[in-house]
Amino acid sequence: MAPPAAAPAGERTLLRDLLRSLAWPGLLLSSGAILACGFALGRETLYFNLSYAWIVCWLLLGERYLGYRRRWRENDGQLGPDLGHTFLNKGLVQLFIVSLLATGLVDRAPGGALADWPLWAQVACGLVASEFGLYWAHRIAHEWPWLWRFHAVHHSVERLWLVNTGRFHFVDSFASVFASLPFLFLSGIGMDAIVWVSAITAYIGILTHCNVDMRCGPLSLVFNTPELHRWHHSIDPTIGNSNYGENLMLWDQIFGTWYRRPGHHVETIGIDSHMPVGFLAQLVLPFRRPAAERA
């Protein structure tokens, strides 16, 4: 029996364009649907982990078959440091959250003013509130040389792919956590909404760093997308000092730091100063001397 004929080039192009357009909203919504099942079953933690594994698996396939830049699939020798920073940060943040919960302060906190609102409205308010802290923590990390030396660890990568999503110096990570949590808790939303805000932040974070050719169109006016975040990683600070939002572009739009050039692509990402190749050396470097100023 003869093998099936390959689809015409026009059909393949149409399919790829469709996948590019559906990838970002499809993965975000499907991951959220898995988490929603977890809430319905009272197994939020388990189902969040499943939803995150779901999005990682699809992004791995996307980077292989729908890649944005072929060169970013080449080994840069930073897999170890990328994973080291990710696990250290996640471990320290988890320890901080467990310690916070152990104090009972969160459990004893009175119900917020918005706790009776519909869940979707609480999540929207929580995203906007926490984003204000995240935006300014991120912007200051670029404009204040002392914090830039820590944030430069993240920006020193010369390719973006899902594994270096969590490549942050732990000082940089804690600055963001301490900047955003007060706004999140003071927003008055309930704990379920806070869990949703945290989950959405995790989903969008890995989506923005992936090496998948996604076409987000008008979504980039509202959300942080791969298209916007690649500009943020430009080695040119006049371009890279933009798109500071973690999830939303609201505060970038308000404060004039939103940047997009449809039809163009960032050429070179990274930093113009030295960054050691080893994980421990990268941890120590910011304490020894400042990296090049970003502003």
Protein backbone atom coordinates (compact mmCIF):
# COMPACT_ATOMS: atom_id res chain seq x y z
CA MET A 1 0.00 0.00 0.00
CA ALA A 2 1.36 3.39 -0.94
CA PRO A 3 2.09 5.82 1.92
CA PRO A 4 -0.40 8.66 2.35
CA ALA A 5 0.46 11.75 0.37
CA ALA A 6 1.90 14.65 2.32
CA ALA A 7 -0.35 17.63 2.86
CA PRO A 8 0.18 20.46 0.36
CA ALA A 9 2.54 23.20 1.46
CA GLY A 10 -0.29 25.70 1.73
CA GLU A 11 -2.23 23.44 4.10
CA ARG A 12 0.87 22.85 6.26
CA THR A 13 1.46 26.61 6.46
CA LEU A 14 -2.16 27.21 7.40
CA LEU A 15 -1.96 24.56 10.12
CA ARG A 16 1.24 26.03 11.55
CA ASP A 17 -0.25 29.53 11.56
CA LEU A 18 -3.30 28.19 13.37
CA LEU A 19 -1.13 26.44 15.96
CA ARG A 20 0.94 29.60 16.46
CA SER A 21 -2.21 31.62 17.10
CA LEU A 22 -3.84 29.08 19.43
CA ALA A 23 -0.76 27.99 21.40
CA TRP A 24 -0.60 30.77 23.99
CA PRO A 25 -4.29 31.10 24.90
CA GLY A 26 -4.84 27.35 24.49
CA LEU A 27 -2.12 26.34 26.91
CA LEU A 28 -3.06 29.02 29.44
CA LEU A 29 -6.76 28.10 29.38
CA SER A 30 -6.24 24.33 29.37
CA SER A 31 -3.83 24.55 32.31
CA GLY A 32 -6.38 26.66 34.15
CA ALA A 33 -9.08 24.08 33.38
CA ILE A 34 -6.96 21.35 34.97
CA LEU A 35 -6.49 23.49 38.08
CA ALA A 36 -10.23 24.19 38.18
CA CYS A 37 -10.83 20.42 38.32
CA GLY A 38 -8.44 20.29 41.25
CA PHE A 39 -10.46 22.93 43.10
CA ALA A 40 -13.67 21.01 42.40
CA LEU A 41 -12.12 17.84 43.83
CA GLY A 42 -10.38 19.55 46.75
CA ARG A 43 -6.93 18.61 45.37
CA GLU A 44 -5.59 21.99 44.30
CA THR A 45 -1.90 21.27 44.93
CA LEU A 46 -1.90 17.96 43.06
CA TYR A 47 -3.79 19.37 40.10
CA PHE A 48 -1.62 22.48 39.92
CA ASN A 49 1.41 20.21 39.58
CA LEU A 50 -0.43 18.23 36.89
CA SER A 51 -1.36 21.42 35.05
CA TYR A 52 2.23 22.63 35.17
CA ALA A 53 3.48 19.27 33.88
CA TRP A 54 0.89 19.54 31.10
CA ILE A 55 2.13 22.91 29.96
CA VAL A 56 5.80 21.83 30.18
CA CYS A 57 5.19 18.74 28.02
CA TRP A 58 3.43 20.72 25.31
CA LEU A 59 6.11 23.42 25.34
CA LEU A 60 8.83 20.80 24.93
CA LEU A 61 7.01 19.56 21.85
CA GLY A 62 6.48 23.12 20.66
CA GLU A 63 10.15 23.98 21.00
CA ARG A 64 10.98 20.90 18.96
CA TYR A 65 8.43 21.25 16.16
CA LEU A 66 7.28 24.87 16.28
CA GLY A 67 10.48 26.59 17.36
CA TYR A 68 10.91 30.34 17.25
CA ARG A 69 14.67 30.40 16.72
CA ARG A 70 16.73 27.39 15.68
CA ARG A 71 19.90 28.72 17.33
CA TRP A 72 18.17 28.79 20.70
CA ARG A 73 17.90 25.00 20.56
CA GLU A 74 21.69 24.66 20.67
CA ASN A 75 23.41 23.79 23.95
CA ASP A 76 24.74 26.92 25.67
CA GLY A 77 26.39 25.06 28.55
CA GLN A 78 24.01 26.63 31.06
CA LEU A 79 21.62 23.75 31.77
CA GLY A 80 23.22 23.09 35.17
CA PRO A 81 23.15 26.73 36.33
CA ASP A 82 19.63 27.18 34.94
CA LEU A 83 18.36 24.23 36.97
CA GLY A 84 20.44 25.19 39.99
CA HIS A 85 18.96 28.68 40.19
CA THR A 86 15.46 27.31 39.57
CA PHE A 87 15.57 24.68 42.30
CA LEU A 88 17.27 26.98 44.81
CA ASN A 89 14.71 29.72 44.25
CA LYS A 90 11.73 27.39 44.33
CA GLY A 91 13.08 25.73 47.46
CA LEU A 92 13.66 28.99 49.30
CA VAL A 93 10.33 30.46 48.26
CA GLN A 94 8.52 27.29 49.32
CA LEU A 95 10.32 27.40 52.66
CA PHE A 96 9.27 31.01 53.09
CA ILE A 97 5.62 30.23 52.29
CA VAL A 98 5.55 27.22 54.63
CA SER A 99 7.09 29.33 57.39
CA LEU A 100 4.53 32.07 56.77
CA LEU A 101 1.66 29.59 56.97
CA ALA A 102 3.14 28.05 60.12
CA THR A 103 2.82 31.40 61.92
CA GLY A 104 -0.96 31.23 61.47
CA LEU A 105 -1.07 34.87 60.43
CA VAL A 106 -2.65 34.02 57.11
CA ASP A 107 -5.27 31.74 58.65
CA ARG A 108 -6.16 34.34 61.28
CA ALA A 109 -6.43 37.14 58.75
CA PRO A 110 -9.99 38.47 58.45
CA GLY A 111 -11.90 37.89 55.23
CA GLY A 112 -10.98 40.48 52.64
CA ALA A 113 -13.37 43.13 51.41
CA LEU A 114 -13.55 41.40 48.02
CA ALA A 115 -13.82 37.83 49.32
CA ASP A 116 -17.54 37.69 48.46
CA TRP A 117 -17.01 38.82 44.87
CA PRO A 118 -17.17 36.23 42.05
CA LEU A 119 -13.93 34.29 41.88
CA TRP A 120 -13.02 35.60 38.42
CA ALA A 121 -13.38 39.20 39.64
CA GLN A 122 -11.21 38.49 42.68
CA VAL A 123 -8.52 36.94 40.48
CA ALA A 124 -8.59 39.93 38.13
CA CYS A 125 -8.21 42.36 41.05
CA GLY A 126 -5.46 40.24 42.59
CA LEU A 127 -3.52 40.18 39.33
CA VAL A 128 -3.73 43.94 38.95
CA ALA A 129 -2.75 44.57 42.59
CA SER A 130 0.18 42.13 42.75
CA GLU A 131 1.33 43.26 39.32
CA PHE A 132 1.90 46.77 40.65
CA GLY A 133 4.50 45.43 43.09
CA LEU A 134 6.01 43.08 40.51
CA TYR A 135 6.25 45.86 37.94
CA TRP A 136 8.15 48.23 40.21
CA ALA A 137 10.38 45.52 41.65
CA HIS A 138 11.33 44.52 38.11
CA ARG A 139 11.79 48.07 36.88
CA ILE A 140 13.94 49.05 39.87
CA ALA A 141 16.03 45.90 39.32
CA HIS A 142 16.93 47.36 35.91
CA GLU A 143 17.40 50.96 36.98
CA TRP A 144 19.17 50.57 40.34
CA PRO A 145 22.71 49.23 39.76
CA TRP A 146 22.86 47.41 43.12
CA LEU A 147 19.82 45.29 42.26
CA TRP A 148 20.78 44.97 38.60
CA ARG A 149 23.86 42.98 39.58
CA PHE A 150 21.49 40.25 40.88
CA HIS A 151 18.94 40.57 38.09
CA ALA A 152 21.75 40.36 35.51
CA VAL A 153 22.04 36.64 36.32
CA HIS A 154 18.67 36.14 34.67
CA HIS A 155 19.43 38.42 31.73
CA SER A 156 22.81 36.87 31.02
CA VAL A 157 21.25 34.02 29.03
CA GLU A 158 21.83 34.15 25.29
CA ARG A 159 18.81 32.06 24.40
CA LEU A 160 15.32 31.75 25.83
CA TRP A 161 13.75 28.36 26.42
CA LEU A 162 11.48 26.92 29.06
CA VAL A 163 14.31 25.62 31.29
CA ASN A 164 15.71 29.08 32.07
CA THR A 165 12.30 30.41 33.11
CA GLY A 166 13.33 30.08 36.76
CA ARG A 167 16.93 31.24 36.35
CA PHE A 168 16.92 34.03 38.93
CA HIS A 169 19.38 34.87 41.67
CA PHE A 170 17.62 34.18 44.97
CA VAL A 171 18.08 37.81 46.09
CA ASP A 172 16.32 38.94 42.93
CA SER A 173 13.48 36.47 43.52
CA PHE A 174 12.90 37.52 47.10
CA ALA A 175 12.84 41.17 46.12
CA SER A 176 9.95 40.39 43.77
CA VAL A 177 8.13 38.26 46.36
CA PHE A 178 8.37 40.91 49.07
CA ALA A 179 7.31 43.62 46.62
CA SER A 180 4.20 41.80 45.39
CA LEU A 181 2.82 39.90 48.38
CA PRO A 182 1.70 42.98 50.38
CA PHE A 183 -0.34 44.25 47.43
CA LEU A 184 -1.79 40.78 46.89
CA PHE A 185 -2.86 40.29 50.51
CA LEU A 186 -4.09 43.87 50.88
CA SER A 187 -6.21 43.56 47.74
CA GLY A 188 -8.90 41.94 49.86
CA ILE A 189 -9.34 38.79 47.77
CA GLY A 190 -9.87 35.30 49.25
CA MET A 191 -7.30 32.52 49.54
CA ASP A 192 -8.68 30.58 46.56
CA ALA A 193 -8.18 33.67 44.41
CA ILE A 194 -4.64 34.07 45.75
CA VAL A 195 -3.90 30.48 44.68
CA TRP A 196 -5.25 31.27 41.22
CA VAL A 197 -3.12 34.41 40.93
CA SER A 198 -0.02 32.40 41.90
CA ALA A 199 -0.85 29.67 39.39
CA ILE A 200 -1.47 32.10 36.54
CA THR A 201 1.85 33.77 37.32
CA ALA A 202 3.57 30.40 37.01
CA TYR A 203 1.82 29.59 33.73
CA ILE A 204 2.53 32.93 32.09
CA GLY A 205 6.12 32.88 33.34
CA ILE A 206 7.00 29.70 31.51
CA LEU A 207 5.02 30.73 28.42
CA THR A 208 6.95 33.99 28.08
CA HIS A 209 10.35 32.29 28.15
CA CYS A 210 9.67 29.39 25.80
CA ASN A 211 11.32 29.05 22.40
CA VAL A 212 8.01 28.52 20.61
CA ASP A 213 6.83 30.65 17.72
CA MET A 214 3.55 32.00 19.10
CA ARG A 215 1.44 34.70 17.47
CA CYS A 216 -0.37 36.54 20.24
CA GLY A 217 -1.67 39.58 18.34
CA PRO A 218 -3.87 41.86 20.47
CA LEU A 219 -3.29 39.66 23.54
CA SER A 220 0.08 41.45 23.81
CA LEU A 221 -1.77 44.67 24.58
CA VAL A 222 -2.99 43.15 27.85
CA PHE A 223 -0.76 40.22 28.79
CA ASN A 224 2.96 39.52 28.96
CA THR A 225 3.61 37.30 25.94
CA PRO A 226 6.72 35.71 24.39
CA GLU A 227 6.68 38.41 21.71
CA LEU A 228 6.99 41.17 24.32
CA HIS A 229 9.35 39.40 26.67
CA ARG A 230 11.93 38.70 23.98
CA TRP A 231 12.24 42.45 23.46
CA HIS A 232 12.73 42.78 27.22
CA HIS A 233 15.77 40.49 26.98
CA SER A 234 17.44 42.57 24.27
CA ILE A 235 21.09 43.32 24.96
CA ASP A 236 20.34 46.93 24.01
CA PRO A 237 19.11 48.60 27.24
CA THR A 238 17.16 51.23 25.31
CA ILE A 239 14.96 48.34 24.18
CA GLY A 240 15.38 45.92 27.08
CA ASN A 241 14.31 48.47 29.70
CA SER A 242 10.69 47.85 28.80
CA ASN A 243 7.85 45.34 29.25
CA TYR A 244 8.44 44.88 32.97
CA GLY A 245 5.05 43.29 33.64
CA GLU A 246 5.06 39.73 34.93
CA ASN A 247 1.52 38.86 33.85
CA LEU A 248 -0.17 42.03 32.66
CA MET A 249 0.93 44.99 30.58
CA LEU A 250 -1.36 47.41 32.44
CA TRP A 251 1.36 49.24 34.38
CA ASP A 252 3.71 49.27 31.38
CA GLN A 253 0.93 50.90 29.39
CA ILE A 254 0.30 53.45 32.15
CA PHE A 255 3.95 54.30 32.82
CA GLY A 256 5.07 54.27 29.19
CA THR A 257 7.35 51.22 29.23
CA TRP A 258 5.34 48.97 26.89
CA TYR A 259 7.35 48.10 23.77
CA ARG A 260 6.40 46.16 20.66
CA ARG A 261 7.57 46.16 17.04
CA PRO A 262 5.26 43.98 14.94
CA GLY A 263 7.07 42.24 12.11
CA HIS A 264 10.49 42.69 13.72
CA HIS A 265 12.55 40.34 15.88
CA VAL A 266 15.10 40.98 18.58
CA GLU A 267 18.55 40.13 17.23
CA THR A 268 20.72 39.62 20.30
CA ILE A 269 19.74 38.95 23.89
CA GLY A 270 21.93 38.90 26.99
CA ILE A 271 24.12 41.42 28.82
CA ASP A 272 27.24 43.29 27.77
CA SER A 273 29.20 42.40 30.92
CA HIS A 274 30.89 39.22 32.12
CA MET A 275 28.90 36.44 33.76
CA PRO A 276 30.70 33.31 35.02
CA VAL A 277 29.63 30.01 33.52
CA GLY A 278 29.38 28.16 36.85
CA PHE A 279 26.35 28.15 39.16
CA LEU A 280 28.22 28.92 42.40
CA ALA A 281 30.26 31.65 40.73
CA GLN A 282 27.03 33.24 39.48
CA LEU A 283 25.62 33.17 43.01
CA VAL A 284 28.67 34.85 44.48
CA LEU A 285 29.48 37.40 41.76
CA PRO A 286 26.79 39.99 42.66
CA PHE A 287 28.10 40.20 46.21
CA ARG A 288 31.66 40.82 45.02
CA ARG A 289 31.27 43.57 42.43
CA PRO A 290 28.47 45.23 40.50
CA ALA A 291 27.59 44.15 37.01
CA ALA A 292 27.42 46.77 34.31
CA GLU A 293 24.72 49.35 34.89
CA ARG A 294 21.57 48.72 32.93
CA ALA A 295 19.92 52.12 32.94
